[in-house]
């Protein structure tokens, strides 16, 4: 899907799992001090299917 305008994710605090996935799908990500980003299922060896 293409959106005609840039999509920006503003991150503050924690972005794990779905929050991280949503941020990664944006065109630009801006984070404040002390943000924490991670994908716990990937650390456990789980893979998402397309």
C-alpha atoms as a PDB file:
ATOM      1  CA  UNK A   1       0.000   0.000   0.000  1.00  0.00           C
ATOM      2  CA  UNK A   2       1.353   3.428  -0.911  1.00  0.00           C
ATOM      3  CA  UNK A   3       0.227   6.555   0.906  1.00  0.00           C
ATOM      4  CA  UNK A   4       0.753   9.852  -0.944  1.00  0.00           C
ATOM      5  CA  UNK A   5       2.121  11.631   2.147  1.00  0.00           C
ATOM      6  CA  UNK A   6       5.023  10.706   4.438  1.00  0.00           C
ATOM      7  CA  UNK A   7       4.016   8.842   7.597  1.00  0.00           C
ATOM      8  CA  UNK A   8       5.949   9.775  10.751  1.00  0.00           C
ATOM      9  CA  UNK A   9       6.142   7.724  13.955  1.00  0.00           C
ATOM     10  CA  UNK A  10       6.786   9.658  17.184  1.00  0.00           C
ATOM     11  CA  UNK A  11       8.227   7.280  19.793  1.00  0.00           C
ATOM     12  CA  UNK A  12       8.303   7.993  23.506  1.00  0.00           C
ATOM     13  CA  UNK A  13       8.834   5.299  26.130  1.00  0.00           C
ATOM     14  CA  UNK A  14       8.453   1.660  25.082  1.00  0.00           C
ATOM     15  CA  UNK A  15       7.730   0.213  21.622  1.00  0.00           C
ATOM     16  CA  UNK A  16       7.707  -3.587  21.779  1.00  0.00           C
ATOM     17  CA  UNK A  17       6.069  -6.106  19.471  1.00  0.00           C
ATOM     18  CA  UNK A  18       3.249  -4.493  17.497  1.00  0.00           C
ATOM     19  CA  UNK A  19       4.376  -0.984  18.477  1.00  0.00           C
ATOM     20  CA  UNK A  20       7.811  -1.667  17.016  1.00  0.00           C
ATOM     21  CA  UNK A  21       6.288  -3.207  13.889  1.00  0.00           C
ATOM     22  CA  UNK A  22       4.067  -0.165  13.375  1.00  0.00           C
ATOM     23  CA  UNK A  23       7.007   2.234  13.824  1.00  0.00           C
ATOM     24  CA  UNK A  24       9.183   0.272  11.376  1.00  0.00           C
ATOM     25  CA  UNK A  25       6.465   0.490   8.709  1.00  0.00           C
ATOM     26  CA  UNK A  26       6.520   4.325   8.812  1.00  0.00           C
ATOM     27  CA  UNK A  27       8.639   6.465   6.501  1.00  0.00           C
ATOM     28  CA  UNK A  28      10.329   8.382   9.330  1.00  0.00           C
ATOM     29  CA  UNK A  29      10.797   7.583  13.014  1.00  0.00           C
ATOM     30  CA  UNK A  30      11.525  10.198  15.689  1.00  0.00           C
ATOM     31  CA  UNK A  31      12.325   9.092  19.228  1.00  0.00           C
ATOM     32  CA  UNK A  32      12.727  10.937  22.490  1.00  0.00           C
ATOM     33  CA  UNK A  33      15.320  10.291  25.161  1.00  0.00           C
ATOM     34  CA  UNK A  34      15.137   6.917  26.848  1.00  0.00           C
ATOM     35  CA  UNK A  35      13.054   5.075  24.251  1.00  0.00           C
ATOM     36  CA  UNK A  36      13.184   1.299  24.255  1.00  0.00           C
ATOM     37  CA  UNK A  37      12.410  -0.627  21.059  1.00  0.00           C
ATOM     38  CA  UNK A  38      12.313  -4.386  20.606  1.00  0.00           C
ATOM     39  CA  UNK A  39      10.716  -7.385  18.957  1.00  0.00           C
ATOM     40  CA  UNK A  40      10.440 -10.095  21.669  1.00  0.00           C
ATOM     41  CA  UNK A  41       9.046 -12.853  19.370  1.00  0.00           C
ATOM     42  CA  UNK A  42      12.149 -12.555  17.158  1.00  0.00           C
ATOM     43  CA  UNK A  43      14.394 -13.129  20.183  1.00  0.00           C
ATOM     44  CA  UNK A  44      12.464 -16.346  20.863  1.00  0.00           C
ATOM     45  CA  UNK A  45      12.987 -17.554  17.285  1.00  0.00           C
ATOM     46  CA  UNK A  46       9.405 -16.974  16.136  1.00  0.00           C
ATOM     47  CA  UNK A  47       8.913 -15.798  12.562  1.00  0.00           C
ATOM     48  CA  UNK A  48       5.951 -13.839  11.239  1.00  0.00           C
ATOM     49  CA  UNK A  49       4.401 -15.125   8.031  1.00  0.00           C
ATOM     50  CA  UNK A  50       3.599 -12.591   5.274  1.00  0.00           C
END
